[in-house]
Amino acid sequence: MTTTTELIAASVDAASATGKNDHFSALRFITCGSVDDGKSTLIGRLLVDSKAVLQDHLAGVQRAGETDLALLTDGLSAEREQGITIDVAYRYFATESRKFIIGDAPGHAQYTRNMVTAASQADAAVVLVDATKLDWKNPQLALLEQTRRHSLLVHLLRVPSLVFAVNKLDAVENPELAWQHISAALAQFAQDAGIAVRATVPVSALKGWNVVTPRPDWCGYAGPSLLQWLEQLPTIASERDLPLAFPVQWVEKFASSADTSQGRRVFWGRVATGTVAVGAAVQIFPSGQTASVAQVLDHARRPGTVAAGQSAGLVLDKEVDVSRGDWIVATASASAAVVADDDFDTPVASTSAWPAQREISATVAWMDDEPLVVGRVYWVLHGHRWVKTKVQRVLHRLNVHTLAEEDADTLAANAIGQVQLLLQEALPTAPFAQSRVLGSLILVDTASHRTAAAVLVQ
C-alpha cells in the first residue's frame, strides 16, 4: 500500500520533472517563537481568511459560541486540553498566486527538537513575537529567550527567509509605540546575530489585521501584509550543481520488469545533490568499490536523468555489495584521496568527489534532557546510515542572550554549541553551508534511543 509520504514525495518529484520547481513553487514555512505567542491562531487565521477551511470543520472548533482558530492546527487531545502545541502540525492552503505548506512548531523549550525537525525542511520561518509579554514602553526592551533561540536555530539551519511577525498589538495601550520599540529591538538582535531578516510585520492574528489583508497605517506600518510577503519568498535553492550524492534507502532485489533492470538490483532513494545519468562513474561508501550507472529510473520507473530532490532507482553496470544506508557518490576527476580508518589494516583508497571523513567539527543543537558528555559514544544518523561516534570535546557554547561564545565542557538541554566528533566509520560529509543533506546528522542516545541533537557539519 502506498503511504501518504510516498504520495507527497511522488507529487513533488512530478512537479520537479515538469519544470514547476521554480521560484514560485509551493512554499514550505513554519511558525515558531515562544509559548502562547499566537502561532496556532495565526495559522488558523491564514486558513480561514484564505478560505481553506470547510464550514463543517469550522463549526467543529467552536468554543462558547466563538471560533477558536488555534484548534484548526492543535489536533492532539493533549493539545486541546492544555491549550498548547506539542507536535508539529502541517496544513495546506493556496492563494491565486501560490501554494503553501505550513508547519506549526511548538514554543515550549522541551519540544525544541520538534521545532528543529520542522525547520530543517522549511523554505521560510515566521517567528512570532507577543507584544503583551514584552516591556514595550522601554526602548531598550529585552526579547524572550525562546524568540532568540528559535531565530538562531532558524539561522543555523540555513532557512532561506525569516520573517518577524509582532502579534497582539491590538491588546496594548499604544500599538504604534509598541511596534516602534519591538521592531527596533528585533532589528538590533538580528544585526548582532548576523541574521538576514526578510521583513518585520505588525499583525493581530485574532482579529486578522495585516495577516491576509493589509490594514493601512495601523501602527504606522504601510507595507504588505504577512501573506503578501509569503507570496514573494523564494524556495530552497536546489543542489543540482554539486557532484552526485545518493543515499540508498531501499534495495529492490528483483525488479518487476526485466526490461527496466536487465535482472540487476535496483537501488532506490532520493538524490541528495547533483544529477544522476547513465554512464556516471560512482563510488560506494563504505566499501570503496567503484562502478558505473547503467540505468536510471525516476519515481514512476521511467528511464531518464534525475536531479537533486527527486526520487530515483539506480542500476549499476556490475554486481557490487550495496545495502540500505550506503552512499553512492560521484568520483572526482582529481587524483585519488586516501581515507584513513583505524578499523582496517590498510587505508581505503577514495576517488570520491565527496571525500569521507572520520573527524568532524560541527554545530550542535542539543535536544536531550540528559546533557552531552565528552567521551561518551552516541549513534549518529547520516542519510540512512547509522554509525557510532564519540564526542571528543566541546569547543564552545553559544550564549543566546549575549550571543557570546563561552567555554564549556558539556551542553545542557536546548543549548547550542560547537563540538568535535570522532566517527567510528568515515562518512561522505560536507559543510552544511554547502549541502543541507550531506552536512546534517542526528545524534541518538545509545541507551534511551532518544534523539539527542541536531548536528550541522562545519
Protein backbone atom coordinates (compact mmCIF):
# COMPACT_ATOMS: atom_id res chain seq x y z
CA MET A 1 0.00 0.00 0.00
CA THR A 2 1.29 3.45 -0.92
CA THR A 3 1.76 5.71 2.10
CA THR A 4 0.85 9.40 2.32
CA THR A 5 4.55 10.28 2.49
CA GLU A 6 5.22 8.37 -0.72
CA LEU A 7 2.33 10.12 -2.45
CA ILE A 8 3.61 13.55 -1.41
CA ALA A 9 7.14 12.63 -2.50
CA ALA A 10 5.82 11.44 -5.85
CA SER A 11 3.87 14.67 -6.39
CA VAL A 12 6.98 16.72 -5.57
CA ASP A 13 9.04 14.63 -7.98
CA ALA A 14 6.40 15.04 -10.68
CA ALA A 15 6.32 18.80 -10.19
CA SER A 16 10.10 18.97 -10.45
CA ALA A 17 10.11 16.80 -13.55
CA THR A 18 7.59 19.08 -15.30
CA GLY A 19 9.57 22.21 -14.53
CA LYS A 20 7.33 23.53 -11.76
CA ASN A 21 10.04 23.60 -9.12
CA ASP A 22 10.83 27.28 -9.65
CA HIS A 23 10.97 30.46 -7.57
CA PHE A 24 7.20 30.45 -7.00
CA SER A 25 6.64 26.75 -6.35
CA ALA A 26 4.88 25.65 -3.16
CA LEU A 27 6.41 27.42 -0.15
CA ARG A 28 7.03 25.29 2.93
CA PHE A 29 7.20 27.51 6.01
CA ILE A 30 6.96 27.15 9.78
CA THR A 31 5.69 29.36 12.57
CA CYS A 32 7.83 29.43 15.70
CA GLY A 33 8.58 31.56 18.74
CA SER A 34 7.77 31.46 22.43
CA VAL A 35 4.84 29.81 24.21
CA ASP A 36 1.39 31.34 23.62
CA ASP A 37 2.64 33.91 21.11
CA GLY A 38 -0.32 33.01 18.89
CA LYS A 39 1.28 30.68 16.35
CA SER A 40 -1.66 28.29 16.04
CA THR A 41 -4.12 31.19 15.95
CA LEU A 42 -2.12 32.84 13.17
CA ILE A 43 -2.22 29.69 11.05
CA GLY A 44 -5.93 29.34 11.74
CA ARG A 45 -6.43 32.91 10.56
CA LEU A 46 -4.46 32.23 7.36
CA LEU A 47 -6.56 29.14 6.67
CA VAL A 48 -9.89 30.84 7.36
CA ASP A 49 -9.22 34.10 5.51
CA SER A 50 -7.81 32.27 2.50
CA LYS A 51 -10.99 30.12 2.50
CA ALA A 52 -9.09 26.87 3.01
CA VAL A 53 -11.41 25.61 5.79
CA LEU A 54 -14.72 23.86 5.15
CA GLN A 55 -17.78 25.07 7.05
CA ASP A 56 -18.26 21.79 8.93
CA HIS A 57 -14.62 21.89 10.06
CA LEU A 58 -15.05 25.48 11.16
CA ALA A 59 -18.16 24.57 13.13
CA GLY A 60 -16.18 21.89 14.96
CA VAL A 61 -13.79 24.40 16.53
CA GLN A 62 -16.41 26.50 18.29
CA ARG A 63 -15.98 27.26 21.99
CA ALA A 64 -18.62 29.19 23.91
CA GLY A 65 -20.12 30.38 20.65
CA GLU A 66 -16.81 31.73 19.31
CA THR A 67 -14.37 30.23 16.83
CA ASP A 68 -11.11 29.06 18.40
CA LEU A 69 -8.71 29.34 15.45
CA ALA A 70 -5.91 27.53 17.30
CA LEU A 71 -7.94 24.30 17.26
CA LEU A 72 -7.58 24.14 13.48
CA THR A 73 -3.95 23.02 13.98
CA ASP A 74 -3.88 21.69 17.56
CA GLY A 75 -5.30 18.26 16.78
CA LEU A 76 -3.91 16.14 19.64
CA SER A 77 -6.23 15.67 22.61
CA ALA A 78 -3.44 16.79 24.98
CA GLU A 79 -3.01 19.96 22.92
CA ARG A 80 -6.71 20.79 23.09
CA GLU A 81 -6.93 20.06 26.79
CA GLN A 82 -3.89 22.17 27.72
CA GLY A 83 -4.23 24.83 25.03
CA ILE A 84 -0.62 24.32 23.86
CA THR A 85 1.11 22.97 20.76
CA ILE A 86 3.15 19.80 21.39
CA ASP A 87 3.92 18.29 17.99
CA VAL A 88 4.36 19.88 14.58
CA ALA A 89 1.09 20.06 12.66
CA TYR A 90 1.14 20.54 8.89
CA ARG A 91 -1.63 22.31 6.98
CA TYR A 92 -2.06 23.16 3.33
CA PHE A 93 -3.68 26.12 1.59
CA ALA A 94 -3.35 28.10 -1.60
CA THR A 95 -3.95 31.59 -2.94
CA GLU A 96 -4.38 32.62 -6.56
CA SER A 97 -0.63 33.02 -6.95
CA ARG A 98 0.89 30.29 -4.76
CA LYS A 99 0.51 27.09 -2.75
CA PHE A 100 1.68 26.80 0.87
CA ILE A 101 2.62 24.03 3.31
CA ILE A 102 2.58 25.31 6.92
CA GLY A 103 4.25 23.68 9.89
CA ASP A 104 3.01 24.83 13.30
CA ALA A 105 6.02 24.33 15.59
CA PRO A 106 5.66 24.17 19.40
CA GLY A 107 7.03 27.00 21.52
CA HIS A 108 7.81 25.12 24.74
CA ALA A 109 11.52 24.62 25.37
CA GLN A 110 11.07 20.89 25.97
CA TYR A 111 9.69 20.48 22.43
CA THR A 112 12.57 22.32 20.72
CA ARG A 113 13.51 19.07 18.95
CA ASN A 114 10.14 19.15 17.14
CA MET A 115 10.77 22.73 16.01
CA VAL A 116 14.24 21.80 14.69
CA THR A 117 12.74 18.89 12.73
CA ALA A 118 10.24 21.19 11.02
CA ALA A 119 12.79 23.96 10.35
CA SER A 120 15.26 21.58 8.71
CA GLN A 121 12.91 21.22 5.71
CA ALA A 122 11.48 24.75 5.62
CA ASP A 123 11.86 27.41 2.93
CA ALA A 124 10.89 30.16 5.37
CA ALA A 125 10.15 30.76 9.04
CA VAL A 126 7.69 33.17 10.64
CA VAL A 127 8.88 33.96 14.17
CA LEU A 128 6.01 35.34 16.23
CA VAL A 129 6.62 37.89 18.96
CA ASP A 130 3.90 38.55 21.56
CA ALA A 131 3.82 42.29 22.24
CA THR A 132 1.91 41.82 25.52
CA LYS A 133 4.80 39.80 27.06
CA LEU A 134 7.41 42.50 26.48
CA ASP A 135 8.18 45.75 28.25
CA TRP A 136 7.09 47.57 25.10
CA LYS A 137 7.26 51.01 26.70
CA ASN A 138 11.01 50.57 27.15
CA PRO A 139 13.12 51.46 24.05
CA GLN A 140 15.78 49.02 25.33
CA LEU A 141 13.37 46.12 25.89
CA ALA A 142 14.66 42.53 26.09
CA LEU A 143 13.30 39.82 23.80
CA LEU A 144 12.09 36.49 25.18
CA GLU A 145 14.64 33.66 25.33
CA GLN A 146 12.64 31.36 23.03
CA THR A 147 12.28 34.13 20.45
CA ARG A 148 16.06 34.47 20.36
CA ARG A 149 16.71 30.71 20.44
CA HIS A 150 14.26 29.88 17.64
CA SER A 151 15.61 32.71 15.49
CA LEU A 152 19.17 31.45 15.98
CA LEU A 153 18.16 27.87 15.17
CA VAL A 154 16.39 29.01 12.00
CA HIS A 155 19.58 30.86 11.04
CA LEU A 156 21.83 27.88 11.83
CA LEU A 157 19.59 25.54 9.83
CA ARG A 158 20.02 27.78 6.77
CA VAL A 159 16.31 28.51 6.38
CA PRO A 160 16.48 31.00 3.48
CA SER A 161 13.90 33.50 4.71
CA LEU A 162 12.98 34.71 8.20
CA VAL A 163 10.02 36.99 8.87
CA PHE A 164 9.24 38.51 12.28
CA ALA A 165 5.51 38.92 12.99
CA VAL A 166 4.78 41.11 16.02
CA ASN A 167 1.44 39.81 17.30
CA LYS A 168 -1.24 41.05 19.72
CA LEU A 169 -0.51 44.74 19.14
CA ASP A 170 -4.26 45.27 19.30
CA ALA A 171 -4.10 44.35 23.00
CA VAL A 172 -1.64 47.08 24.11
CA GLU A 173 -2.45 50.68 25.02
CA ASN A 174 -0.24 52.31 22.40
CA PRO A 175 0.21 49.97 19.41
CA GLU A 176 2.33 52.43 17.43
CA LEU A 177 4.84 52.97 20.27
CA ALA A 178 4.97 49.22 20.98
CA TRP A 179 5.60 48.49 17.30
CA GLN A 180 8.34 51.10 17.15
CA HIS A 181 10.22 49.72 20.16
CA ILE A 182 9.74 46.00 19.41
CA SER A 183 10.68 46.25 15.74
CA ALA A 184 13.81 48.19 16.71
CA ALA A 185 14.76 45.52 19.27
CA LEU A 186 14.27 42.77 16.66
CA ALA A 187 16.38 44.65 14.12
CA GLN A 188 19.20 45.12 16.66
CA PHE A 189 19.11 41.45 17.67
CA ALA A 190 19.21 40.32 14.04
CA GLN A 191 22.12 42.62 13.31
CA ASP A 192 24.11 41.41 16.32
CA ALA A 193 23.44 37.75 15.44
CA GLY A 194 24.16 38.18 11.74
CA ILE A 195 20.64 37.08 10.77
CA ALA A 196 19.18 38.32 7.49
CA VAL A 197 15.52 39.25 8.01
CA ARG A 198 13.17 39.47 5.03
CA ALA A 199 10.51 41.53 6.80
CA THR A 200 9.04 42.54 10.16
CA VAL A 201 5.25 42.88 10.14
CA PRO A 202 2.74 44.02 12.82
CA VAL A 203 -0.23 41.63 12.99
CA SER A 204 -3.25 40.69 15.03
CA ALA A 205 -3.89 37.00 14.44
CA LEU A 206 -7.07 37.08 16.50
CA LYS A 207 -8.67 39.95 14.57
CA GLY A 208 -7.00 39.25 11.25
CA TRP A 209 -5.28 42.61 10.92
CA ASN A 210 -2.36 42.59 8.48
CA VAL A 211 -2.41 38.80 8.21
CA VAL A 212 -4.09 38.31 4.83
CA THR A 213 -5.42 41.77 4.06
CA PRO A 214 -3.29 44.87 4.78
CA ARG A 215 -4.57 47.28 7.43
CA PRO A 216 -3.39 50.67 6.14
CA ASP A 217 -1.45 52.91 8.52
CA TRP A 218 -2.01 50.65 11.52
CA CYS A 219 0.89 51.13 13.95
CA GLY A 220 2.43 53.46 11.42
CA TYR A 221 3.16 50.48 9.13
CA ALA A 222 2.20 50.81 5.47
CA GLY A 223 3.87 47.73 3.98
CA PRO A 224 2.49 44.42 2.66
CA SER A 225 0.52 42.02 4.82
CA LEU A 226 2.15 38.83 6.13
CA LEU A 227 0.58 36.70 3.39
CA GLN A 228 1.70 39.14 0.71
CA TRP A 229 5.27 38.79 1.99
CA LEU A 230 4.99 34.98 1.98
CA GLU A 231 3.80 35.01 -1.63
CA GLN A 232 7.08 36.69 -2.63
CA LEU A 233 9.57 34.47 -0.77
CA PRO A 234 11.88 32.08 -2.65
CA THR A 235 12.09 28.35 -2.05
CA ILE A 236 15.29 26.49 -1.14
CA ALA A 237 17.75 26.52 -4.00
CA SER A 238 18.36 23.08 -5.42
CA GLU A 239 21.78 21.45 -5.03
CA ARG A 240 21.82 20.16 -8.60
CA ASP A 241 25.08 21.94 -9.49
CA LEU A 242 27.05 19.90 -6.93
CA PRO A 243 28.62 16.46 -7.53
CA LEU A 244 26.29 13.48 -7.20
CA ALA A 245 25.47 12.10 -3.75
CA PHE A 246 22.79 9.42 -3.42
CA PRO A 247 21.80 7.78 -0.10
CA VAL A 248 20.44 4.27 -0.64
CA GLN A 249 17.11 3.83 1.13
CA TRP A 250 15.87 0.54 -0.29
CA VAL A 251 17.32 -2.29 -2.39
CA GLU A 252 14.94 -3.95 -4.80
CA LYS A 253 16.23 -7.48 -5.21
CA PHE A 254 14.01 -8.48 -8.10
CA ALA A 255 12.74 -5.84 -10.49
CA SER A 256 9.11 -6.01 -11.50
CA SER A 257 10.17 -5.96 -15.15
CA ALA A 258 13.30 -7.46 -16.65
CA ASP A 259 13.15 -4.74 -19.31
CA THR A 260 13.92 -1.99 -16.81
CA SER A 261 16.84 -3.50 -14.94
CA GLN A 262 18.23 -6.34 -17.03
CA GLY A 263 17.86 -8.57 -13.95
CA ARG A 264 20.14 -6.45 -11.75
CA ARG A 265 19.24 -5.00 -8.38
CA VAL A 266 17.73 -1.51 -8.28
CA PHE A 267 18.92 0.89 -5.56
CA TRP A 268 16.18 3.36 -4.60
CA GLY A 269 16.44 6.65 -2.75
CA ARG A 270 16.24 10.42 -3.20
CA VAL A 271 19.08 12.19 -4.95
CA ALA A 272 20.73 14.44 -2.33
CA THR A 273 22.98 16.50 -4.59
CA GLY A 274 23.84 16.73 -8.25
CA THR A 275 22.28 14.87 -11.17
CA VAL A 276 22.49 11.16 -11.97
CA ALA A 277 22.59 9.93 -15.56
CA VAL A 278 23.55 6.78 -17.40
CA GLY A 279 27.30 6.38 -17.67
CA ALA A 280 28.16 8.30 -14.49
CA ALA A 281 31.22 6.93 -12.67
CA VAL A 282 30.42 6.36 -8.98
CA GLN A 283 31.94 5.04 -5.79
CA ILE A 284 30.09 3.25 -2.99
CA PHE A 285 30.64 4.05 0.67
CA PRO A 286 31.74 2.47 2.93
CA SER A 287 33.09 -0.36 0.74
CA GLY A 288 35.02 1.95 -1.61
CA GLN A 289 34.04 -0.11 -4.68
CA THR A 290 33.60 1.70 -7.98
CA ALA A 291 31.08 1.18 -10.77
CA SER A 292 29.17 2.98 -13.49
CA VAL A 293 25.47 3.78 -13.67
CA ALA A 294 23.87 1.50 -16.25
CA GLN A 295 20.33 2.79 -15.90
CA VAL A 296 18.37 5.47 -14.05
CA LEU A 297 14.68 5.20 -13.24
CA ASP A 298 12.52 8.05 -11.97
CA HIS A 299 9.75 7.78 -9.35
CA ALA A 300 7.41 6.30 -11.98
CA ARG A 301 10.04 3.78 -13.22
CA ARG A 302 10.64 5.75 -16.40
CA PRO A 303 14.25 5.81 -17.65
CA GLY A 304 15.98 9.18 -17.78
CA THR A 305 18.12 11.70 -15.92
CA VAL A 306 17.15 12.50 -12.29
CA ALA A 307 18.25 15.60 -10.37
CA ALA A 308 18.63 16.52 -6.68
CA GLY A 309 15.40 16.47 -4.71
CA GLN A 310 13.81 13.75 -6.84
CA SER A 311 13.44 10.04 -6.13
CA ALA A 312 15.36 7.61 -8.33
CA GLY A 313 16.29 3.99 -8.83
CA LEU A 314 19.85 3.23 -9.92
CA VAL A 315 21.07 0.14 -11.72
CA LEU A 316 24.86 -0.33 -11.76
CA ASP A 317 26.90 -1.95 -14.52
CA LYS A 318 28.14 -4.71 -12.23
CA GLU A 319 27.14 -6.54 -9.08
CA VAL A 320 28.61 -4.79 -6.05
CA ASP A 321 27.72 -5.03 -2.38
CA VAL A 322 25.27 -2.17 -1.73
CA SER A 323 22.83 -2.08 1.20
CA ARG A 324 20.43 0.36 2.81
CA GLY A 325 22.44 3.18 4.36
CA ASP A 326 25.26 3.10 1.80
CA TRP A 327 26.11 6.20 -0.22
CA ILE A 328 26.60 6.23 -3.98
CA VAL A 329 28.66 9.30 -4.89
CA ALA A 330 30.35 10.71 -7.96
CA THR A 331 34.02 10.04 -8.48
CA ALA A 332 36.35 13.01 -8.72
CA SER A 333 38.46 13.77 -11.75
CA ALA A 334 41.36 14.73 -9.50
CA SER A 335 43.91 12.29 -8.12
CA ALA A 336 42.74 9.79 -5.57
CA ALA A 337 42.47 10.73 -1.92
CA VAL A 338 43.06 8.35 0.95
CA VAL A 339 40.58 7.77 3.75
CA ALA A 340 42.17 6.63 6.99
CA ASP A 341 40.19 4.15 9.05
CA ASP A 342 41.51 2.62 12.26
CA ASP A 343 39.13 -0.34 11.92
CA PHE A 344 41.07 -1.65 8.89
CA ASP A 345 44.68 -2.69 8.46
CA THR A 346 45.09 -0.57 5.33
CA PRO A 347 43.52 2.71 4.32
CA VAL A 348 40.66 2.79 1.83
CA ALA A 349 41.53 4.45 -1.48
CA SER A 350 38.93 7.04 -2.44
CA THR A 351 38.37 8.84 -5.73
CA SER A 352 35.09 10.32 -4.50
CA ALA A 353 34.05 13.90 -5.20
CA TRP A 354 32.83 13.86 -1.57
CA PRO A 355 35.81 12.53 0.46
CA ALA A 356 34.74 10.64 3.56
CA GLN A 357 35.83 11.89 6.97
CA ARG A 358 36.03 10.45 10.47
CA GLU A 359 36.76 13.63 12.43
CA ILE A 360 34.32 16.49 12.02
CA SER A 361 33.76 19.83 13.69
CA ALA A 362 30.07 20.66 13.97
CA THR A 363 27.49 23.00 15.43
CA VAL A 364 25.17 21.07 17.73
CA ALA A 365 21.66 21.94 18.88
CA TRP A 366 21.36 19.74 21.97
CA MET A 367 17.79 18.49 22.47
CA ASP A 368 18.03 15.70 25.04
CA ASP A 369 17.17 16.20 28.71
CA GLU A 370 20.40 14.37 29.57
CA PRO A 371 23.39 16.68 28.96
CA LEU A 372 26.07 15.97 26.37
CA VAL A 373 29.01 14.14 27.92
CA VAL A 374 32.52 14.40 26.47
CA GLY A 375 33.96 10.95 25.78
CA ARG A 376 30.56 9.29 25.54
CA VAL A 377 29.56 7.24 22.49
CA TYR A 378 26.35 8.09 20.60
CA TRP A 379 24.70 6.82 17.47
CA VAL A 380 24.85 9.19 14.51
CA LEU A 381 22.43 9.04 11.56
CA HIS A 382 23.69 10.39 8.24
CA GLY A 383 21.27 9.90 5.35
CA HIS A 384 20.09 6.35 6.09
CA ARG A 385 23.35 5.14 7.64
CA TRP A 386 23.86 4.52 11.36
CA VAL A 387 27.39 4.89 12.73
CA LYS A 388 28.71 5.21 16.28
CA THR A 389 30.56 8.38 17.22
CA LYS A 390 32.46 9.68 20.24
CA VAL A 391 32.30 13.28 21.44
CA GLN A 392 35.96 14.29 21.65
CA ARG A 393 35.44 17.76 23.13
CA VAL A 394 33.16 20.77 23.36
CA LEU A 395 34.80 23.74 21.67
CA HIS A 396 32.39 26.37 22.98
CA ARG A 397 28.75 27.09 23.87
CA LEU A 398 26.67 29.94 22.44
CA ASN A 399 25.02 32.27 24.95
CA VAL A 400 21.60 33.00 23.39
CA HIS A 401 21.28 36.20 25.45
CA THR A 402 24.63 37.85 24.69
CA LEU A 403 25.50 35.83 21.53
CA ALA A 404 28.96 35.30 23.03
CA GLU A 405 30.89 32.04 22.60
CA GLU A 406 31.59 30.70 26.09
CA ASP A 407 33.98 27.96 27.22
CA ALA A 408 32.12 24.78 28.16
CA ASP A 409 32.74 21.08 28.76
CA THR A 410 29.12 19.98 28.35
CA LEU A 411 25.85 21.05 26.72
CA ALA A 412 22.53 21.07 28.55
CA ALA A 413 19.06 20.73 27.03
CA ASN A 414 18.35 23.34 24.29
CA ALA A 415 21.94 24.58 24.31
CA ILE A 416 23.76 25.42 21.08
CA GLY A 417 27.48 24.76 20.83
CA GLN A 418 30.45 23.71 18.75
CA VAL A 419 31.83 20.17 19.22
CA GLN A 420 34.46 17.83 17.81
CA LEU A 421 33.21 14.33 16.84
CA LEU A 422 35.16 11.16 16.03
CA LEU A 423 33.17 8.76 13.85
CA GLN A 424 33.68 5.02 14.02
CA GLU A 425 33.41 4.93 10.23
CA ALA A 426 34.25 7.58 7.63
CA LEU A 427 31.23 9.27 6.06
CA PRO A 428 30.97 11.45 2.92
CA THR A 429 30.04 14.68 4.68
CA ALA A 430 30.23 18.30 3.55
CA PRO A 431 29.82 21.66 5.29
CA PHE A 432 26.16 22.34 5.99
CA ALA A 433 26.54 25.71 4.26
CA GLN A 434 27.35 23.79 1.07
CA SER A 435 24.85 20.93 1.31
CA ARG A 436 21.94 20.60 3.71
CA VAL A 437 21.77 16.83 3.23
CA LEU A 438 25.44 15.89 3.36
CA GLY A 439 26.11 18.42 6.12
CA SER A 440 23.40 17.32 8.56
CA LEU A 441 23.45 14.46 11.06
CA ILE A 442 21.38 13.36 14.02
CA LEU A 443 22.81 12.14 17.34
CA VAL A 444 20.86 9.42 19.15
CA ASP A 445 21.40 8.19 22.70
CA THR A 446 22.57 4.56 22.57
CA ALA A 447 20.75 3.63 25.80
CA SER A 448 17.44 5.50 25.65
CA HIS A 449 17.26 5.77 21.81
CA ARG A 450 16.10 9.37 22.19
CA THR A 451 17.11 11.95 19.60
CA ALA A 452 19.92 13.81 21.38
CA ALA A 453 20.97 16.53 18.94
CA ALA A 454 20.82 18.02 15.50
CA VAL A 455 24.35 18.26 14.07
CA LEU A 456 25.46 20.71 11.37
CA VAL A 457 28.88 19.96 9.88
CA GLN A 458 31.24 22.94 9.78
